Amino acid sequence: MRAYDIIEKKRNNDELTSEEIKFFINGYIDNEIADYQMSAFLMAVYFNGMTDEECKTLTECMLHSGEVMDLSPIKGIKVDKHSTGGVGDKTTLIVTPIVAACGTKVAKMSGRGLGHTGGTVDKLCSIPGMNVEISRNRFFDIVNTVGCCLMSQSGNLVPADKKIYALRDVTATVESMPLIASSIMSKKIASGADCIVLDVKVGSGAFMKTKEDAISLSKIMISIGKKFNKKVIALITDMDIPLGNAIGNSLEVWESCEVLRGRGPKDLRDVSISLAANMLYLSGKGTIDECEHFARSAIDSGKAFEKFKEMVSAQGGNLSLIEKSDYLDCLEEHKFEIYSDDDGYIFKMDTEKIGKAAMILGAGREKKDDIIDYNAGIILNKKTGDKVTKDEVLAVFYSSSKEKFVEAEKIFKEAIKFDKNKPEYVSLIQAKITLDDVQIF
């Protein structure tokens, strides 16, 4: 078997056998197949796609390239949630304690952010003292006693994905549905949970720009989940508008706590409750309506917020940030207000550009070794559909480097489009996909 023949076969849009995919992926991991050959293979997949069977085999190869977490020391059903990434997407910080407060275990490993979307681990690290690099036994112990734990992904979890993704990133093959699906599902399956809820973002701030593409990606991932005996549901959620009002690490922790206190932006609260309800439903807690009631009650009773504080304390975090509802007042000297140049309705927001503005302020990384300013970011005063008058405050920027405000303001204002007419409402949750059904909302 030769790498050349496999590349040629995929270039000609012929289906590869399991043996051919295993030979190619394993050969690349063992440094027997060169980067330039893998680059050619990835480009062939980008243009020609993969069948469901090819995707499953690719996922299996990546899954078994490193360790697979055995969560059996944790009692009961374990449920996980994965988002395909978005600006202001801090739902993991909200749904994790909600689900744990309702009696289902959440043993979750998350990653750091790169580019315009933030990583859950970076948000957690903005909490003073918070330890996300904990041992496996400590991880198990916290989940068993608290009900939930959020830790950084193990370095030996799906190393094939890390190596292949690094190549995808520099060969313009990131936005390939089979490659995205295999990358996500290999990590989720390796993480060991029994049930997985996928939050597939669609819109200007997401990889998937159309609902149709988001649904197609979801179907592939659910099909992969079935092969590995995982219960999987996908929700298609809007990312044409940033989720919530806060963008940036400590700002998003503060806003998550506001939701857990029973306050916070309605869009963030609604999406979080839907995700939590589906996690509870998959774990067998009741009908979807019952699970939605449980999720709302966990917030309204204060149990979810107490569970979040319990988790943070167990991981060494200082609760001072968590308990400050007036946290933004502490950042007064680092803020800069952005005023509107126009009158009218905000008709459209380029979410990706807004995420880039936050990154320029210091809230994200352009390169892996960039240092994050945990207090940097944006609080949105106005969003799509809101009426704005000239010189009204659109947003507030935060950064310890005030020289960054000018560049970030330019990009932010380019992202905002005005019109005299109010735009039509777009549903936050656009579809729900299961193994047997697609519901469009």
Foldseek 3Di string as FASTA:
>chain_A
DDLVVVLVCLLVLHADDLVNLLCVLVCVLVVNDDLVSLLSSLVSCQVNNHDLVSLLSNLVSLLPQFAFDALVLADAAEEEEAEQFAFLPQLCLQLQLLLQLLPAAYLEAWEADAALTGTNVLLQPLFPFFAQDDDPVLSRVCCNPLVYAYHHDDPRGRVSLVVSVVSCVVSVSPLRLSNSLSSVLSRVRSHPGQEYEYEYEEPLGGSHPDPVSSVVSQLSNQSSCVVVNHFYKYWYFYRQWRQFFWGFRLRSLLQSLCVLQVHGDPRSNVVSLQRSLVRCVSSPVDDSVVSSVSSVCCSVVSVSLVSSVSNRVSRRGDCPSSPDNVNVVVQVVFKDFAWAQAWAFFAGFSRSLQSNLQVLLFRHHNDPPRHGDRFWTKGAPHIAQDTHHGRHTGIMTGHPDPVSNVVSSVSRNVRTDGDNDHYDDDDRTQWMDGNVDIGGD
